[in-house]
Protein backbone atom coordinates (compact mmCIF):
# COMPACT_ATOMS: atom_id res chain seq x y z
CA MET A 1 17.93 12.19 -24.53
CA LYS A 2 17.98 14.61 -21.77
CA PRO A 3 19.72 12.92 -18.55
CA TYR A 4 18.19 12.60 -15.16
CA ASN A 5 19.07 15.16 -12.57
CA VAL A 6 19.97 13.20 -9.23
CA GLU A 7 19.93 15.70 -6.10
CA ILE A 8 20.82 14.80 -2.38
CA PHE A 9 19.50 16.94 0.53
CA THR A 10 19.79 16.51 4.18
CA GLN A 11 16.65 16.29 6.32
CA ASP A 12 16.97 20.01 6.88
CA PHE A 13 16.46 20.46 3.19
CA GLU A 14 20.27 21.52 2.68
CA MET A 15 21.68 20.39 -0.59
CA VAL A 16 24.47 17.83 -0.28
CA GLY A 17 25.20 17.44 -4.02
CA ASN A 18 23.81 16.72 -7.44
CA THR A 19 24.92 15.16 -10.64
CA ASN A 20 23.46 13.51 -13.90
CA VAL A 21 22.74 10.00 -14.97
CA ASN A 22 21.46 9.02 -18.38
CA GLU A 23 19.04 6.15 -17.48
CA ILE A 24 17.50 4.76 -14.32
CA THR A 25 15.16 1.94 -13.33
CA TYR A 26 12.52 2.46 -10.69
CA LYS A 27 10.33 0.11 -8.80
CA GLU A 28 7.74 0.85 -6.13
CA ASP A 29 5.57 -1.80 -4.48
CA TYR A 30 3.02 -0.52 -1.85
CA LEU A 31 2.86 -3.87 -0.21
CA SER A 32 6.76 -4.41 0.20
CA SER A 33 9.11 -1.50 0.25
CA ASP A 34 12.19 -2.48 -1.99
CA ASP A 35 15.28 -0.63 -2.39
CA ASN A 36 16.01 1.09 -5.77
CA THR A 37 19.74 1.89 -6.76
CA VAL A 38 21.33 4.52 -8.79
CA THR A 39 25.08 4.66 -9.71
CA VAL A 40 26.56 7.99 -10.14
CA LEU A 41 29.89 9.67 -10.13
CA ALA A 42 30.83 9.85 -6.22
CA LEU A 43 29.16 12.76 -4.40
CA PRO A 44 31.17 13.54 -1.13
CA GLY A 45 29.24 13.83 2.16
CA VAL A 46 26.16 11.59 1.23
CA GLU A 47 24.94 9.79 4.40
CA LYS A 48 22.08 7.51 5.09
CA GLN A 49 18.62 8.83 5.78
CA GLU A 50 19.16 11.86 3.46
CA TYR A 51 16.61 12.68 0.86
CA ILE A 52 17.25 11.81 -2.75
CA ARG A 53 15.38 13.32 -5.70
CA ILE A 54 15.80 12.05 -9.32
CA SER A 55 13.97 14.15 -12.06
CA ARG A 56 13.71 14.80 -15.75
CA GLY A 57 11.05 17.08 -16.93
CA GLN A 58 7.77 16.04 -15.41
CA GLU A 59 9.14 12.68 -14.35
CA GLU A 60 10.24 12.66 -10.54
CA TYR A 61 11.14 10.10 -7.99
CA ALA A 62 12.01 10.94 -4.37
CA GLY A 63 13.13 8.70 -1.40
CA ILE A 64 15.23 8.18 1.65
CA ILE A 65 18.80 6.84 1.23
CA THR A 66 19.37 3.45 2.94
CA GLU A 67 22.67 2.37 1.60
CA ILE A 68 25.98 3.92 -0.10
CA GLU A 69 28.62 1.67 -1.67
CA TYR A 70 31.61 2.70 -3.70
CA GLY A 71 32.87 0.95 -6.79
CA THR A 72 36.09 -1.07 -6.78
CA ASP A 73 37.40 0.85 -9.83
CA LYS A 74 38.81 3.88 -8.00
CA SER A 75 39.75 5.76 -11.25
CA LYS A 76 35.99 6.05 -12.11
CA LYS A 77 35.01 6.91 -8.42
CA LEU A 78 31.59 5.48 -8.86
CA GLN A 79 28.95 5.43 -5.98
CA SER A 80 25.86 3.31 -5.84
CA ILE A 81 23.16 4.91 -3.66
CA SER A 82 20.14 2.75 -2.54
CA TYR A 83 17.06 4.44 -1.57
CA LYS A 84 13.43 3.56 -0.50
CA PRO A 85 10.06 5.56 -1.08
CA LEU A 86 9.42 8.40 1.32
CA MET A 87 6.89 6.21 3.19
CA GLU A 88 10.00 4.55 4.81
CA LEU A 89 10.01 7.62 6.96
CA LEU A 90 7.12 6.06 8.82
CA ASN A 91 8.80 2.68 9.41
CA THR A 92 8.35 2.76 13.27
CA ASP A 93 6.53 0.96 16.16
CA ILE A 94 3.55 2.36 17.77
CA LEU A 95 1.65 1.73 20.91
CA PHE A 96 -1.82 0.71 19.50
CA ASP A 97 -4.91 0.94 21.55
CA VAL A 98 -7.06 -1.82 20.31
CA ASP A 99 -10.24 -0.16 21.79
CA ALA A 100 -9.82 2.72 19.34
CA GLN A 101 -10.70 0.29 16.40
CA GLY A 102 -13.84 1.63 14.92
CA GLN A 103 -13.89 4.87 16.57
CA GLY A 104 -13.75 8.09 14.45
CA THR A 105 -12.29 7.65 10.91
CA MET A 106 -9.54 5.28 10.07
CA GLU A 107 -7.73 8.14 8.13
CA GLU A 108 -7.77 10.56 11.20
CA PHE A 109 -6.37 7.39 13.25
CA ILE A 110 -3.46 6.99 11.01
CA CYS A 111 -2.82 10.71 10.70
CA GLY A 112 -3.01 10.97 14.58
CA HIS A 113 -0.17 8.48 14.97
CA ILE A 114 1.84 10.14 12.30
CA ARG A 115 1.67 13.46 14.08
CA GLU A 116 2.40 11.64 17.52
CA MET A 117 5.48 9.90 16.37
CA PHE A 118 6.95 12.48 13.94
CA ILE A 119 5.44 16.07 14.32
CA ASP A 120 4.45 16.52 17.95
CA ASN A 121 6.89 14.04 19.57
CA ALA A 122 8.49 15.28 22.83
CA ASP A 123 11.72 13.91 21.51
CA GLU A 124 12.26 16.80 19.02
CA LYS A 125 15.12 14.88 17.19
CA GLN A 126 12.57 12.27 16.16
CA ASN A 127 10.24 14.81 14.63
CA ILE A 128 10.65 15.28 10.87
CA ARG A 129 11.17 18.73 9.74
CA GLY A 130 8.55 20.17 7.44
CA LEU A 131 6.20 17.09 7.77
CA SER A 132 2.51 17.62 7.36
CA VAL A 133 -0.29 15.19 7.17
CA THR A 134 -3.91 15.48 6.32
CA ALA A 135 -6.98 13.12 5.86
CA SER A 136 -8.69 13.39 2.57
CA THR A 137 -11.50 10.84 3.03
CA LYS A 138 -13.48 9.49 5.80
CA THR A 139 -13.85 5.86 6.68
CA THR A 140 -15.79 4.80 9.57
CA GLY A 141 -16.73 1.45 11.16
CA TRP A 142 -12.99 0.19 10.70
CA GLY A 143 -11.06 -2.48 12.30
CA LEU A 144 -7.65 -4.34 11.93
CA HIS A 145 -8.32 -7.30 14.16
CA ILE A 146 -5.37 -6.17 16.39
CA THR A 147 -5.73 -7.84 19.77
CA PRO A 148 -4.13 -6.88 23.13
CA SER A 149 -0.48 -8.32 23.76
CA GLN A 150 -1.80 -9.32 27.22
CA LYS A 151 -5.16 -11.01 28.11
CA GLY A 152 -7.54 -8.63 29.24
CA GLY A 153 -5.43 -5.68 28.19
CA HIS A 154 -5.78 -2.71 25.80
CA TYR A 155 -2.82 -2.26 23.87
CA ASN A 156 -0.21 -3.85 21.47
CA ILE A 157 2.95 -2.66 20.16
CA VAL A 158 2.94 -3.10 16.24
CA ASN A 159 4.69 -1.67 13.15
CA LEU A 160 2.96 1.47 11.73
CA ILE A 161 3.74 0.44 8.13
CA ASP A 162 3.21 -3.37 8.27
CA SER A 163 0.34 -3.68 10.74
CA VAL A 164 -1.67 -0.43 10.01
CA ILE A 165 -0.81 1.35 6.76
CA ILE A 166 -0.60 -1.70 4.36
CA PRO A 167 -3.64 -3.45 5.86
CA ALA A 168 -5.51 -0.25 5.60
CA MET A 169 -4.87 -0.36 1.81
CA GLU A 170 -5.64 -4.01 1.46
CA LYS A 171 -8.96 -3.83 3.41
CA TYR A 172 -10.36 -0.41 2.82
CA GLY A 173 -8.38 1.12 -0.17
CA ILE A 174 -6.92 3.76 2.18
CA LEU A 175 -3.47 4.91 1.19
CA VAL A 176 -0.71 7.26 2.53
CA LYS A 177 0.80 9.28 -0.31
CA ALA A 178 3.98 11.20 0.39
CA GLU A 179 5.49 14.15 -1.59
CA LEU A 180 8.99 15.99 -1.21
CA ASP A 181 8.58 19.45 -1.54
CA ILE A 182 12.19 21.01 -1.61
CA GLN A 183 11.30 24.41 -2.42
CA HIS A 184 9.00 24.98 0.69
CA ARG A 185 11.30 22.59 2.67
CA ALA A 186 8.38 20.27 3.41
CA VAL A 187 7.14 16.61 3.20
CA HIS A 188 3.31 16.58 2.40
CA MET A 189 1.57 13.47 3.36
CA SER A 190 -2.13 12.66 2.74
CA VAL A 191 -4.24 9.70 3.89
CA GLY A 192 -7.23 8.61 2.00
CA LYS A 193 -8.75 6.54 -0.71
CA ALA A 194 -7.96 6.96 -4.25
CA SER A 195 -10.03 9.10 -6.60
CA ALA A 196 -13.38 7.77 -7.26
CA GLY A 197 -13.99 5.92 -10.58
CA ILE A 198 -13.05 2.79 -12.23
CA ILE A 199 -10.57 2.74 -15.34
CA THR A 200 -10.94 -0.07 -18.01
CA ILE A 201 -7.94 -1.44 -19.49
CA GLU A 202 -8.15 -3.82 -22.45
CA SER A 203 -4.97 -6.01 -21.80
CA ASP A 204 -5.24 -7.75 -25.28
CA LEU A 205 -4.60 -4.71 -27.43
CA PRO A 206 -1.32 -4.37 -29.24
CA ASN A 207 -0.07 -1.49 -26.80
CA ILE A 208 0.34 -3.99 -24.15
CA ILE A 209 3.82 -5.48 -24.62
CA LYS A 210 3.44 -8.29 -22.04
CA LYS A 211 0.82 -9.57 -19.63
CA SER A 212 0.70 -11.90 -16.65
CA VAL A 213 -2.70 -12.70 -15.02
CA THR A 214 -2.78 -14.73 -11.80
CA ILE A 215 -6.11 -15.07 -10.34
CA LYS A 216 -6.82 -16.36 -6.72
CA GLN A 217 -8.90 -19.51 -7.06
CA VAL A 218 -11.77 -18.58 -4.51
CA SER A 219 -13.54 -22.05 -4.89
CA ALA A 220 -11.09 -23.39 -2.37
CA ASP A 221 -11.53 -20.57 0.00
CA VAL A 222 -14.32 -19.68 2.47
CA ASN A 223 -17.67 -19.17 0.43
CA LYS A 224 -20.24 -19.51 3.13
CA LEU A 225 -20.09 -17.59 6.37
CA VAL A 226 -22.42 -18.41 9.24
CA LEU A 227 -22.45 -15.74 12.06
CA PHE A 228 -23.76 -16.34 15.55
CA ASP A 229 -24.97 -13.90 18.35
CA PRO A 230 -22.93 -14.87 21.29
CA GLN A 231 -25.66 -13.53 23.53
CA ASP A 232 -28.19 -15.90 21.99
CA TYR A 233 -26.70 -18.61 19.61
CA SER A 234 -30.10 -19.23 18.29
CA ARG A 235 -29.64 -16.01 16.31
CA THR A 236 -27.70 -16.49 13.12
CA ARG A 237 -27.17 -14.68 9.85
CA THR A 238 -25.60 -16.50 6.77
CA TYR A 239 -23.60 -14.96 3.94
CA TYR A 240 -22.85 -16.55 0.44
CA LEU A 241 -20.08 -15.84 -1.85
CA HIS A 242 -21.23 -15.69 -5.61
CA PRO A 243 -19.10 -16.34 -8.70
CA ASP A 244 -18.77 -12.64 -9.46
CA LEU A 245 -17.34 -12.35 -5.98
CA GLY A 246 -20.34 -10.40 -4.76
CA TYR A 247 -21.94 -11.61 -1.40
CA ASP A 248 -25.26 -11.41 0.33
CA THR A 249 -27.68 -13.56 2.32
CA LYS A 250 -29.37 -14.99 -0.68
CA ASP A 251 -28.97 -18.63 -1.22
CA ARG A 252 -28.64 -18.72 -5.01
CA ASP A 253 -26.06 -18.55 -7.62
CA ARG A 254 -23.37 -19.85 -5.22
CA ILE A 255 -19.78 -20.99 -5.44
CA VAL A 256 -19.46 -24.85 -4.73
CA PRO A 257 -18.29 -27.05 -3.34
CA VAL A 258 -19.13 -25.26 -0.07
CA VAL A 259 -16.30 -24.24 2.21
CA CYS A 260 -18.04 -22.99 5.48
CA GLU A 261 -16.72 -20.90 8.35
CA MET A 262 -18.37 -20.07 11.55
CA GLN A 263 -17.94 -16.97 13.76
CA ALA A 264 -19.49 -15.48 16.76
CA VAL A 265 -19.68 -11.80 16.40
CA SER A 266 -19.58 -9.63 19.53
CA TYR A 267 -20.95 -6.25 19.72
CA ASP A 268 -20.98 -3.35 22.31
CA GLU A 269 -23.93 -2.36 24.40
CA GLY A 270 -26.11 -0.16 22.14
CA GLY A 271 -24.91 -2.00 19.03
CA SER A 272 -26.82 -4.59 17.18
CA PHE A 273 -26.01 -8.20 15.98
CA GLU A 274 -27.16 -7.28 12.65
CA SER A 275 -24.56 -4.47 12.10
CA ALA A 276 -21.85 -6.60 13.72
CA ALA A 277 -22.60 -9.41 11.27
CA MET A 278 -22.63 -6.97 8.29
CA GLU A 279 -19.02 -5.86 9.34
CA ALA A 280 -17.88 -9.39 9.90
CA ALA A 281 -19.11 -10.36 6.21
CA TYR A 282 -17.41 -7.25 4.80
CA ASN A 283 -14.13 -8.21 6.52
CA LYS A 284 -14.33 -11.60 4.99
CA PHE A 285 -15.37 -11.03 1.48
CA ALA A 286 -15.27 -7.44 0.51
CA ASN A 287 -11.77 -7.39 -0.84
CA LEU A 288 -11.64 -10.70 -2.56
CA SER A 289 -11.83 -8.85 -5.94
CA TYR A 290 -8.31 -7.58 -5.24
CA SER A 291 -6.87 -10.86 -4.31
CA ASN A 292 -5.08 -11.28 -7.62
CA LEU A 293 -1.87 -10.53 -9.34
CA ILE A 294 -2.00 -8.78 -12.81
CA GLU A 295 1.09 -7.40 -14.52
CA LEU A 296 0.80 -5.38 -17.69
CA THR A 297 3.92 -4.16 -19.51
CA MET A 298 3.66 -1.28 -21.90
CA MET A 299 5.78 1.72 -23.50
CA ASN A 300 6.62 4.52 -21.16
CA GLY A 301 4.05 7.29 -21.72
CA ASP A 302 1.58 4.92 -23.26
CA SER A 303 -1.11 7.19 -24.59
CA LEU A 304 -4.15 4.59 -24.01
CA VAL A 305 -3.30 3.42 -20.42
CA ARG A 306 -1.30 6.66 -19.37
CA PRO A 307 0.59 4.68 -16.64
CA ASP A 308 2.48 7.77 -15.41
CA GLU A 309 -0.94 9.37 -14.48
CA MET A 310 -2.19 6.45 -12.38
CA GLU A 311 -2.09 6.62 -8.60
CA PHE A 312 -1.71 3.70 -6.17
CA GLY A 313 -5.11 2.53 -5.05
CA GLN A 314 -6.68 3.28 -8.45
CA VAL A 315 -9.43 0.79 -9.08
CA VAL A 316 -9.17 -0.89 -12.59
CA ASN A 317 -11.30 -3.17 -14.70
CA ILE A 318 -8.95 -5.21 -16.65
CA ILE A 319 -10.32 -7.27 -19.53
CA SER A 320 -8.16 -10.21 -20.58
CA ASP A 321 -9.17 -12.96 -23.14
CA GLY A 322 -12.82 -11.73 -22.81
CA VAL A 323 -12.88 -11.97 -19.04
CA SER A 324 -13.22 -8.95 -16.86
CA TYR A 325 -11.24 -8.64 -13.55
CA GLU A 326 -11.58 -5.74 -11.03
CA SER A 327 -8.20 -4.97 -9.33
CA ILE A 328 -6.33 -2.23 -7.65
CA LEU A 329 -3.06 -0.53 -8.59
CA THR A 330 -0.34 -1.47 -6.04
CA GLY A 331 3.03 -1.52 -7.89
CA ARG A 332 4.96 0.12 -10.72
CA GLU A 333 8.21 -0.53 -12.28
CA ARG A 334 9.93 1.77 -14.86
CA GLY A 335 12.86 1.34 -17.02
CA LYS A 336 12.99 1.09 -20.83
CA ASN A 337 9.22 0.21 -20.51
CA THR A 338 6.72 0.55 -17.66
CA LYS A 339 5.16 -2.40 -15.77
CA LEU A 340 2.00 -1.81 -13.77
CA VAL A 341 1.20 -4.35 -10.98
CA PHE A 342 -2.20 -4.73 -9.77
CA GLY A 343 -3.73 -6.65 -6.78
CA THR A 344 -2.76 -7.75 -3.37
CA VAL A 345 -1.14 -11.15 -4.04
CA ARG A 346 2.62 -11.43 -4.55
CA LEU A 347 4.26 -14.45 -5.78
CA ASP A 348 7.86 -13.38 -4.77
CA LEU A 349 8.69 -15.70 -1.84
CA THR A 350 11.25 -13.24 -0.37
CA LYS A 351 8.49 -10.68 0.01
CA ILE A 352 6.08 -13.15 1.68
CA LEU A 353 8.71 -14.24 4.05
CA ARG A 354 9.46 -10.65 4.81
CA ARG A 355 5.98 -9.92 5.54
CA GLN A 356 5.55 -12.93 7.85
CA GLU A 357 8.66 -11.91 9.85
CA ASN A 358 7.31 -8.35 10.20
CA GLY A 359 3.79 -9.65 11.12
């Protein structure tokens, strides 16, 4: 089988070196940036924060080098290179204007902060050479519930990935996609929702080598939301969650036993309680369908699922044991087989603790 080509480039797109490896394993999780490692014959001059590109035919992986280790067997001169996805370039703190939530589109808000930190920064050494970012969709009426660090203030310092980019995917299906373009000495980023349309996957067919389905039990979560107008608490609006995870104000076909939550929803002058209530209900219930963990393993290049062609953020309808689950692609692992990971729940305790520390 044709080997993989491993290439290392500086952030100025100058080649440091290249070599070949026969096999690799690759894992990418949009919710938690894990290291991948490739072991090669030692390449002199490799440094952290340089670009790595691994390719074979149409298959290509790119990232940022995070660690370099040399083997103890000096006769073989082996070198282990650890790297993270290109989105690691955006791992920085930003000054977040909490009053900007809901203004303009969320995609342009994210693009604006990427430009501010890495394209138009007054500190030229912080700018990323060749970086460009564009918004491909428009999402209005957004909010991340980020509050000021000081009472009565307007700002908070948050991590761009952990507090903005990942919540944007979990809440609105907005993703940041990055591509390393060595030929044009560029890094292209786009911010937007995945292409429209839902893919159906029959997980009980023979092409699925292994499956794991963990569904969040919504019966124990909030399933009734009572909203109050703080200007007149006699005005209320009640939303109910239904077994199909849809929600509305109709008191029928409800999830029981009742778990009720109450909120007072504020709105600006010129706004309305009704629109504020609709947004609050959306924030509470809209993404429950993705609160699951479904893992499907299949052969590389499977012709039915076509795992190599699926993008993060793709909405899927997974049929398992006669039950249909709607979810979203958030992770991928490739080795001898390919494992696709769907949903926004993770059972890996180390990832949960990492997210809590970053939060």
